[in-house]
Amino acid sequence: MPLYEINCPCCGKRDEVFRAVRDYNDLPECCGLKMVRVLSAPQVMPDIQGYKSMQTGEWIGSRSTHKKHLKQHGLIEVGNEQPKPVVKKKDDSIKRELVRHFYK
């Protein structure tokens, strides 16, 4: 979804809004007037820097190659690992104590 920079033609307030392309003309109002889009430079994210795999020694030069390599070798990125599920241990000590107390 594109991020648009918008401006109020009356007070000059600037803001940013996410809008789907189909909602291109659906802009908020400010000071009783519809805000207008401001022409701004797009933000472009570069591809990852190349690196040598510690697993196989091969050169990884793009994000897509990086993802395939991780999946192929069962690896995970540090910081992107799935949290381990919390397993609650059942505490039967109270139940055992009650049973022992009432059935002496």
N, C-alpha and C. Protein backbone atom coordinates (compact mmCIF):
# COMPACT_ATOMS: atom_id res chain seq x y z
N MET A 1 0.85 -1.15 0.00
CA MET A 1 0.00 0.00 0.00
C MET A 1 0.91 1.24 0.00
N PRO A 2 0.69 2.16 -0.92
CA PRO A 2 1.54 3.35 -1.01
C PRO A 2 1.33 4.31 0.16
N LEU A 3 2.39 5.00 0.48
CA LEU A 3 2.37 6.05 1.50
C LEU A 3 2.39 7.38 0.77
N TYR A 4 1.39 8.22 1.05
CA TYR A 4 1.30 9.52 0.41
C TYR A 4 1.55 10.62 1.43
N GLU A 5 2.30 11.63 1.03
CA GLU A 5 2.48 12.81 1.85
C GLU A 5 1.39 13.79 1.43
N ILE A 6 0.68 14.34 2.43
CA ILE A 6 -0.42 15.25 2.12
C ILE A 6 -0.24 16.57 2.87
N ASN A 7 -0.93 17.60 2.37
CA ASN A 7 -0.78 18.94 2.89
C ASN A 7 -2.16 19.62 2.92
N CYS A 8 -2.42 20.41 3.97
CA CYS A 8 -3.66 21.18 4.05
C CYS A 8 -3.45 22.49 3.28
N PRO A 9 -4.30 22.79 2.30
CA PRO A 9 -4.12 24.02 1.54
C PRO A 9 -4.42 25.29 2.35
N CYS A 10 -5.11 25.13 3.48
CA CYS A 10 -5.48 26.30 4.29
C CYS A 10 -4.42 26.62 5.35
N CYS A 11 -4.13 25.65 6.23
CA CYS A 11 -3.21 25.92 7.35
C CYS A 11 -1.79 25.42 7.10
N GLY A 12 -1.58 24.60 6.07
CA GLY A 12 -0.24 24.11 5.75
C GLY A 12 0.19 22.88 6.53
N LYS A 13 -0.71 22.29 7.32
CA LYS A 13 -0.38 21.08 8.08
C LYS A 13 0.00 19.96 7.13
N ARG A 14 1.11 19.26 7.45
CA ARG A 14 1.57 18.13 6.63
C ARG A 14 1.35 16.83 7.39
N ASP A 15 1.08 15.78 6.63
CA ASP A 15 0.84 14.47 7.23
C ASP A 15 1.17 13.40 6.20
N GLU A 16 1.16 12.14 6.62
CA GLU A 16 1.37 11.01 5.71
C GLU A 16 0.20 10.05 5.91
N VAL A 17 -0.28 9.47 4.82
CA VAL A 17 -1.38 8.50 4.89
C VAL A 17 -1.08 7.31 3.99
N PHE A 18 -1.50 6.13 4.44
CA PHE A 18 -1.44 4.92 3.62
C PHE A 18 -2.77 4.80 2.89
N ARG A 19 -2.73 4.62 1.61
CA ARG A 19 -3.96 4.43 0.83
C ARG A 19 -3.69 3.39 -0.25
N ALA A 20 -4.66 2.52 -0.45
CA ALA A 20 -4.59 1.59 -1.57
C ALA A 20 -4.75 2.39 -2.85
N VAL A 21 -4.25 1.88 -3.95
CA VAL A 21 -4.34 2.59 -5.22
C VAL A 21 -5.79 2.85 -5.59
N ARG A 22 -6.68 1.93 -5.26
CA ARG A 22 -8.11 2.13 -5.59
C ARG A 22 -8.71 3.30 -4.79
N ASP A 23 -8.10 3.65 -3.64
CA ASP A 23 -8.58 4.75 -2.79
C ASP A 23 -7.71 6.00 -2.97
N TYR A 24 -7.16 6.18 -4.16
CA TYR A 24 -6.22 7.27 -4.44
C TYR A 24 -6.80 8.64 -4.09
N ASN A 25 -8.08 8.87 -4.38
CA ASN A 25 -8.69 10.17 -4.13
C ASN A 25 -9.37 10.29 -2.78
N ASP A 26 -9.31 9.25 -1.97
CA ASP A 26 -9.93 9.26 -0.64
C ASP A 26 -8.94 9.85 0.37
N LEU A 27 -8.92 11.19 0.49
CA LEU A 27 -8.00 11.88 1.38
C LEU A 27 -8.77 12.54 2.51
N PRO A 28 -8.14 12.68 3.68
CA PRO A 28 -8.84 13.29 4.82
C PRO A 28 -9.03 14.80 4.63
N GLU A 29 -9.86 15.35 5.50
CA GLU A 29 -10.11 16.79 5.46
C GLU A 29 -9.40 17.48 6.62
N CYS A 30 -9.06 18.74 6.42
CA CYS A 30 -8.46 19.58 7.46
C CYS A 30 -8.96 21.00 7.19
N CYS A 31 -9.38 21.70 8.20
CA CYS A 31 -9.91 23.07 8.08
C CYS A 31 -11.12 23.12 7.14
N GLY A 32 -11.85 22.02 7.04
CA GLY A 32 -13.04 21.98 6.20
C GLY A 32 -12.75 21.74 4.73
N LEU A 33 -11.48 21.57 4.36
CA LEU A 33 -11.10 21.32 2.96
C LEU A 33 -10.40 19.97 2.84
N LYS A 34 -10.54 19.36 1.67
CA LYS A 34 -9.85 18.10 1.42
C LYS A 34 -8.35 18.38 1.29
N MET A 35 -7.54 17.58 1.97
CA MET A 35 -6.08 17.75 1.88
C MET A 35 -5.60 17.34 0.49
N VAL A 36 -4.45 17.87 0.08
CA VAL A 36 -3.91 17.58 -1.25
C VAL A 36 -2.59 16.82 -1.12
N ARG A 37 -2.31 16.01 -2.13
CA ARG A 37 -1.06 15.25 -2.16
C ARG A 37 0.11 16.17 -2.47
N VAL A 38 1.26 15.88 -1.85
CA VAL A 38 2.49 16.62 -2.11
C VAL A 38 3.42 15.69 -2.88
N LEU A 39 4.01 16.19 -3.92
CA LEU A 39 4.96 15.39 -4.70
C LEU A 39 6.23 15.22 -3.88
N SER A 40 6.57 13.99 -3.58
CA SER A 40 7.77 13.72 -2.78
C SER A 40 8.51 12.53 -3.38
N ALA A 41 9.78 12.43 -3.05
CA ALA A 41 10.63 11.37 -3.59
C ALA A 41 10.24 10.03 -2.98
N PRO A 42 10.24 8.96 -3.76
CA PRO A 42 9.93 7.64 -3.20
C PRO A 42 11.10 7.13 -2.37
N GLN A 43 10.80 6.27 -1.43
CA GLN A 43 11.85 5.64 -0.63
C GLN A 43 12.14 4.28 -1.26
N VAL A 44 13.39 4.06 -1.59
CA VAL A 44 13.79 2.82 -2.21
C VAL A 44 14.75 2.10 -1.28
N MET A 45 14.43 0.85 -0.97
CA MET A 45 15.30 0.07 -0.09
C MET A 45 16.27 -0.73 -0.94
N PRO A 46 17.56 -0.63 -0.64
CA PRO A 46 18.54 -1.40 -1.41
C PRO A 46 18.48 -2.88 -1.05
N ASP A 47 19.03 -3.70 -1.93
CA ASP A 47 19.12 -5.12 -1.65
C ASP A 47 20.17 -5.32 -0.57
N ILE A 48 20.22 -6.50 0.02
CA ILE A 48 21.20 -6.75 1.08
C ILE A 48 22.60 -6.81 0.48
N GLN A 49 23.59 -6.52 1.31
CA GLN A 49 24.98 -6.64 0.89
C GLN A 49 25.32 -8.12 0.76
N GLY A 50 26.16 -8.46 -0.20
CA GLY A 50 26.55 -9.84 -0.39
C GLY A 50 27.38 -10.34 0.79
N TYR A 51 27.33 -11.63 1.02
CA TYR A 51 28.13 -12.22 2.09
C TYR A 51 28.43 -13.68 1.76
N LYS A 52 29.42 -14.22 2.46
CA LYS A 52 29.80 -15.62 2.29
C LYS A 52 29.08 -16.43 3.36
N SER A 53 28.37 -17.48 2.92
CA SER A 53 27.62 -18.31 3.85
C SER A 53 28.57 -19.04 4.80
N MET A 54 28.26 -19.00 6.10
CA MET A 54 29.07 -19.72 7.08
C MET A 54 28.75 -21.22 7.04
N GLN A 55 27.60 -21.58 6.46
CA GLN A 55 27.18 -22.98 6.40
C GLN A 55 27.89 -23.71 5.26
N THR A 56 27.87 -23.12 4.06
CA THR A 56 28.40 -23.81 2.89
C THR A 56 29.59 -23.11 2.24
N GLY A 57 29.82 -21.85 2.57
CA GLY A 57 30.92 -21.11 1.97
C GLY A 57 30.57 -20.46 0.64
N GLU A 58 29.33 -20.65 0.18
CA GLU A 58 28.95 -20.04 -1.10
C GLU A 58 28.62 -18.56 -0.93
N TRP A 59 28.70 -17.80 -2.02
CA TRP A 59 28.43 -16.37 -2.00
C TRP A 59 26.92 -16.13 -2.14
N ILE A 60 26.36 -15.37 -1.21
CA ILE A 60 24.95 -15.00 -1.23
C ILE A 60 24.89 -13.53 -1.60
N GLY A 61 24.27 -13.22 -2.74
CA GLY A 61 24.33 -11.85 -3.25
C GLY A 61 23.01 -11.11 -3.31
N SER A 62 21.90 -11.75 -2.94
CA SER A 62 20.62 -11.05 -3.01
C SER A 62 19.70 -11.56 -1.92
N ARG A 63 18.65 -10.79 -1.64
CA ARG A 63 17.70 -11.16 -0.60
C ARG A 63 16.98 -12.48 -0.95
N SER A 64 16.63 -12.65 -2.22
CA SER A 64 15.93 -13.89 -2.61
C SER A 64 16.84 -15.11 -2.45
N THR A 65 18.11 -14.98 -2.82
CA THR A 65 19.06 -16.07 -2.64
C THR A 65 19.26 -16.36 -1.16
N HIS A 66 19.29 -15.32 -0.36
CA HIS A 66 19.45 -15.44 1.09
C HIS A 66 18.30 -16.25 1.68
N LYS A 67 17.06 -15.91 1.31
CA LYS A 67 15.89 -16.63 1.83
C LYS A 67 15.90 -18.09 1.40
N LYS A 68 16.22 -18.35 0.13
CA LYS A 68 16.28 -19.74 -0.36
C LYS A 68 17.35 -20.53 0.38
N HIS A 69 18.51 -19.90 0.60
CA HIS A 69 19.62 -20.56 1.29
C HIS A 69 19.23 -20.93 2.72
N LEU A 70 18.59 -20.01 3.42
CA LEU A 70 18.17 -20.29 4.80
C LEU A 70 17.19 -21.46 4.84
N LYS A 71 16.21 -21.43 3.94
CA LYS A 71 15.20 -22.49 3.91
C LYS A 71 15.81 -23.84 3.53
N GLN A 72 16.69 -23.83 2.56
CA GLN A 72 17.30 -25.06 2.07
C GLN A 72 18.12 -25.76 3.15
N HIS A 73 18.77 -24.99 4.02
CA HIS A 73 19.65 -25.56 5.03
C HIS A 73 19.05 -25.57 6.43
N GLY A 74 17.76 -25.21 6.53
CA GLY A 74 17.09 -25.24 7.83
C GLY A 74 17.64 -24.22 8.81
N LEU A 75 18.07 -23.08 8.30
CA LEU A 75 18.65 -22.03 9.14
C LEU A 75 17.62 -20.94 9.42
N ILE A 76 17.90 -20.12 10.43
CA ILE A 76 17.06 -18.97 10.74
C ILE A 76 17.95 -17.76 10.93
N GLU A 77 17.39 -16.57 10.70
CA GLU A 77 18.11 -15.34 10.95
C GLU A 77 18.00 -15.01 12.43
N VAL A 78 19.08 -14.52 13.00
CA VAL A 78 19.05 -14.11 14.40
C VAL A 78 18.09 -12.93 14.50
N GLY A 79 17.15 -13.02 15.41
CA GLY A 79 16.14 -11.98 15.58
C GLY A 79 14.84 -12.31 14.88
N ASN A 80 14.85 -13.29 13.98
CA ASN A 80 13.64 -13.69 13.28
C ASN A 80 13.19 -15.09 13.66
N GLU A 81 13.82 -15.67 14.67
CA GLU A 81 13.44 -17.02 15.07
C GLU A 81 12.08 -17.01 15.74
N GLN A 82 11.38 -18.10 15.62
CA GLN A 82 10.05 -18.24 16.22
C GLN A 82 10.21 -18.44 17.72
N PRO A 83 9.38 -17.77 18.52
CA PRO A 83 9.47 -17.99 19.98
C PRO A 83 9.05 -19.41 20.32
N LYS A 84 9.75 -19.97 21.28
CA LYS A 84 9.41 -21.33 21.71
C LYS A 84 8.11 -21.27 22.51
N PRO A 85 7.23 -22.24 22.28
CA PRO A 85 5.97 -22.23 23.03
C PRO A 85 6.21 -22.45 24.51
N VAL A 86 5.46 -21.75 25.32
CA VAL A 86 5.58 -21.89 26.77
C VAL A 86 4.78 -23.11 27.20
N VAL A 87 5.46 -24.02 27.82
CA VAL A 87 4.80 -25.23 28.31
C VAL A 87 4.64 -25.09 29.81
N LYS A 88 3.39 -25.03 30.23
CA LYS A 88 3.12 -24.91 31.66
C LYS A 88 3.09 -26.31 32.26
N LYS A 89 3.92 -26.46 33.29
CA LYS A 89 3.93 -27.75 33.97
C LYS A 89 2.76 -27.78 34.95
N LYS A 90 2.13 -28.90 34.98
CA LYS A 90 0.99 -29.08 35.87
C LYS A 90 1.51 -29.32 37.28
N ASP A 91 1.08 -28.50 38.21
CA ASP A 91 1.53 -28.62 39.59
C ASP A 91 0.52 -29.46 40.37
N ASP A 92 0.87 -30.71 40.60
CA ASP A 92 -0.01 -31.63 41.32
C ASP A 92 0.32 -31.71 42.80
N SER A 93 1.25 -30.89 43.27
CA SER A 93 1.67 -31.01 44.66
C SER A 93 0.53 -30.70 45.64
N ILE A 94 -0.30 -29.72 45.32
CA ILE A 94 -1.43 -29.37 46.20
C ILE A 94 -2.44 -30.51 46.22
N LYS A 95 -2.70 -31.06 45.04
CA LYS A 95 -3.66 -32.17 44.95
C LYS A 95 -3.14 -33.36 45.75
N ARG A 96 -1.86 -33.68 45.61
CA ARG A 96 -1.29 -34.80 46.36
C ARG A 96 -1.34 -34.56 47.86
N GLU A 97 -1.09 -33.32 48.27
CA GLU A 97 -1.13 -32.97 49.69
C GLU A 97 -2.54 -33.14 50.24
N LEU A 98 -3.58 -32.71 49.49
CA LEU A 98 -4.97 -32.88 49.93
C LEU A 98 -5.35 -34.35 50.02
N VAL A 99 -4.96 -35.11 49.03
CA VAL A 99 -5.27 -36.55 49.03
C VAL A 99 -4.61 -37.21 50.23
N ARG A 100 -3.35 -36.88 50.49
CA ARG A 100 -2.64 -37.47 51.61
C ARG A 100 -3.28 -37.06 52.95
N HIS A 101 -3.75 -35.83 53.03
CA HIS A 101 -4.35 -35.33 54.26
C HIS A 101 -5.70 -36.00 54.54
N PHE A 102 -6.55 -36.14 53.52
CA PHE A 102 -7.90 -36.67 53.73
C PHE A 102 -7.96 -38.20 53.74
N TYR A 103 -7.00 -38.87 53.16
CA TYR A 103 -7.07 -40.34 53.09
C TYR A 103 -5.93 -40.97 53.88
N LYS A 104 -5.73 -40.54 55.11
CA LYS A 104 -4.69 -41.11 55.96
C LYS A 104 -5.07 -42.44 56.49
